[in-house]
Amino acid sequence: MAPEESSKISLEKNLKLDFGAPKKSPSKSKLRRIIKFFGFSLLFLLIVLVGAVLWLRTDSGLNFLAKKALSGLSEKGLTLSWTSLEGPIPEKLIIQGLVASDKLGRFA
């Protein structure tokens, strides 16, 4: 082996080049994880909110909402009744045949 070849081989062994991605600092990596967590959390909450509004626009959603409203009023001694409940929530709600009463009788 010629002396030039041996120096060339030893130079190649000692020279290590790393062209990979730059190392991330721990603070940037942690910040990205926090931002991703909050981003996915907000996305999840948005999906749940949209789903809830879409469900409230169905007949079962309206019935659920009506039962919750009635239970809250009955605790205060008031009763409500109606003949029909329809309309898209949250734009407009149509209540037909609404009757409100308390222990003294009907007042509306």
Protein backbone atom coordinates (compact mmCIF):
# COMPACT_ATOMS: atom_id res chain seq x y z
CA MET A 1 0.00 0.00 0.00
CA ALA A 2 1.34 3.42 -0.92
CA PRO A 3 1.78 6.06 1.78
CA GLU A 4 -0.74 8.33 0.07
CA GLU A 5 -3.42 5.63 0.21
CA SER A 6 -2.92 4.94 3.92
CA SER A 7 -3.21 8.62 4.81
CA LYS A 8 -6.33 8.88 2.65
CA ILE A 9 -7.92 5.90 4.46
CA SER A 10 -7.07 7.23 7.92
CA LEU A 11 -8.44 10.66 6.94
CA GLU A 12 -11.73 9.09 5.85
CA LYS A 13 -11.98 7.14 9.12
CA ASN A 14 -11.42 10.23 11.27
CA LEU A 15 -13.72 12.47 9.26
CA LYS A 16 -17.34 11.80 10.18
CA LEU A 17 -19.90 14.04 8.56
CA ASP A 18 -23.49 14.04 9.77
CA PHE A 19 -25.92 15.58 7.32
CA GLY A 20 -29.03 14.51 9.26
CA ALA A 21 -31.63 16.79 10.72
CA PRO A 22 -30.35 19.35 13.20
CA LYS A 23 -30.76 18.39 16.82
CA LYS A 24 -33.78 20.03 18.43
CA SER A 25 -33.33 21.87 21.63
CA PRO A 26 -35.43 20.45 24.48
CA SER A 27 -37.35 23.70 24.96
CA LYS A 28 -38.53 23.88 21.33
CA SER A 29 -39.56 20.24 21.38
CA LYS A 30 -41.49 20.71 24.61
CA LEU A 31 -43.15 23.87 23.29
CA ARG A 32 -44.24 22.03 20.13
CA ARG A 33 -45.75 19.22 22.20
CA ILE A 34 -47.66 21.75 24.32
CA ILE A 35 -48.95 23.56 21.21
CA LYS A 36 -49.98 20.25 19.63
CA PHE A 37 -51.78 19.22 22.83
CA PHE A 38 -53.76 22.47 23.00
CA GLY A 39 -54.45 22.37 19.27
CA PHE A 40 -55.85 18.85 19.42
CA SER A 41 -57.80 19.73 22.58
CA LEU A 42 -59.43 22.71 20.86
CA LEU A 43 -60.20 20.60 17.81
CA PHE A 44 -61.80 17.94 20.02
CA LEU A 45 -63.91 20.55 21.85
CA LEU A 46 -65.01 22.07 18.54
CA ILE A 47 -66.07 18.66 17.22
CA VAL A 48 -68.03 17.95 20.43
CA LEU A 49 -69.71 21.37 20.31
CA VAL A 50 -70.72 20.99 16.66
CA GLY A 51 -72.01 17.49 17.38
CA ALA A 52 -74.05 18.74 20.34
CA VAL A 53 -75.62 21.55 18.31
CA LEU A 54 -76.44 19.17 15.47
CA TRP A 55 -77.99 16.71 17.95
CA LEU A 56 -80.07 19.47 19.58
CA ARG A 57 -81.57 20.17 16.16
CA THR A 58 -83.08 16.67 16.07
CA ASP A 59 -86.38 15.64 17.67
CA SER A 60 -84.63 13.70 20.44
CA GLY A 61 -82.40 16.69 21.15
CA LEU A 62 -85.40 19.02 21.42
CA ASN A 63 -87.15 16.58 23.75
CA PHE A 64 -84.04 16.36 25.92
CA LEU A 65 -83.81 20.16 26.09
CA ALA A 66 -87.51 20.45 26.95
CA LYS A 67 -87.24 17.89 29.76
CA LYS A 68 -84.25 19.72 31.24
CA ALA A 69 -86.12 23.03 31.12
CA LEU A 70 -89.19 21.47 32.75
CA SER A 71 -87.21 19.84 35.53
CA GLY A 72 -85.55 23.16 36.37
CA LEU A 73 -88.88 24.97 36.52
CA SER A 74 -90.67 22.25 38.50
CA GLU A 75 -88.15 22.67 41.32
CA LYS A 76 -89.37 26.26 41.64
CA GLY A 77 -93.03 25.29 41.65
CA LEU A 78 -93.76 26.22 38.03
CA THR A 79 -95.06 23.94 35.31
CA LEU A 80 -95.03 24.34 31.56
CA SER A 81 -96.84 22.42 28.89
CA TRP A 82 -97.13 22.83 25.12
CA THR A 83 -98.68 21.15 22.16
CA SER A 84 -95.69 21.27 19.82
CA LEU A 85 -92.03 22.18 19.91
CA GLU A 86 -90.18 22.63 16.63
CA GLY A 87 -87.57 24.67 14.83
CA PRO A 88 -83.83 24.57 14.40
CA ILE A 89 -81.82 25.42 17.47
CA PRO A 90 -80.06 27.91 17.91
CA GLU A 91 -81.69 30.05 15.16
CA LYS A 92 -85.32 29.89 16.21
CA LEU A 93 -87.54 27.75 18.33
CA ILE A 94 -91.31 27.57 17.83
CA ILE A 95 -93.43 26.57 20.82
CA GLN A 96 -97.14 26.18 20.13
CA GLY A 97 -99.83 25.91 22.79
CA LEU A 98 -97.60 27.02 25.69
CA VAL A 99 -99.31 26.98 29.08
CA ALA A 100 -97.54 28.10 32.25
CA SER A 101 -98.94 27.52 35.73
CA ASP A 102 -97.99 27.45 39.38
CA LYS A 103 -99.71 26.27 42.55
CA LEU A 104 -102.32 29.06 42.23
CA GLY A 105 -103.29 28.04 38.70
CA ARG A 106 -102.71 28.87 35.09
CA PHE A 107 -101.34 32.33 34.27
CA ALA A 108 -100.22 32.21 30.65
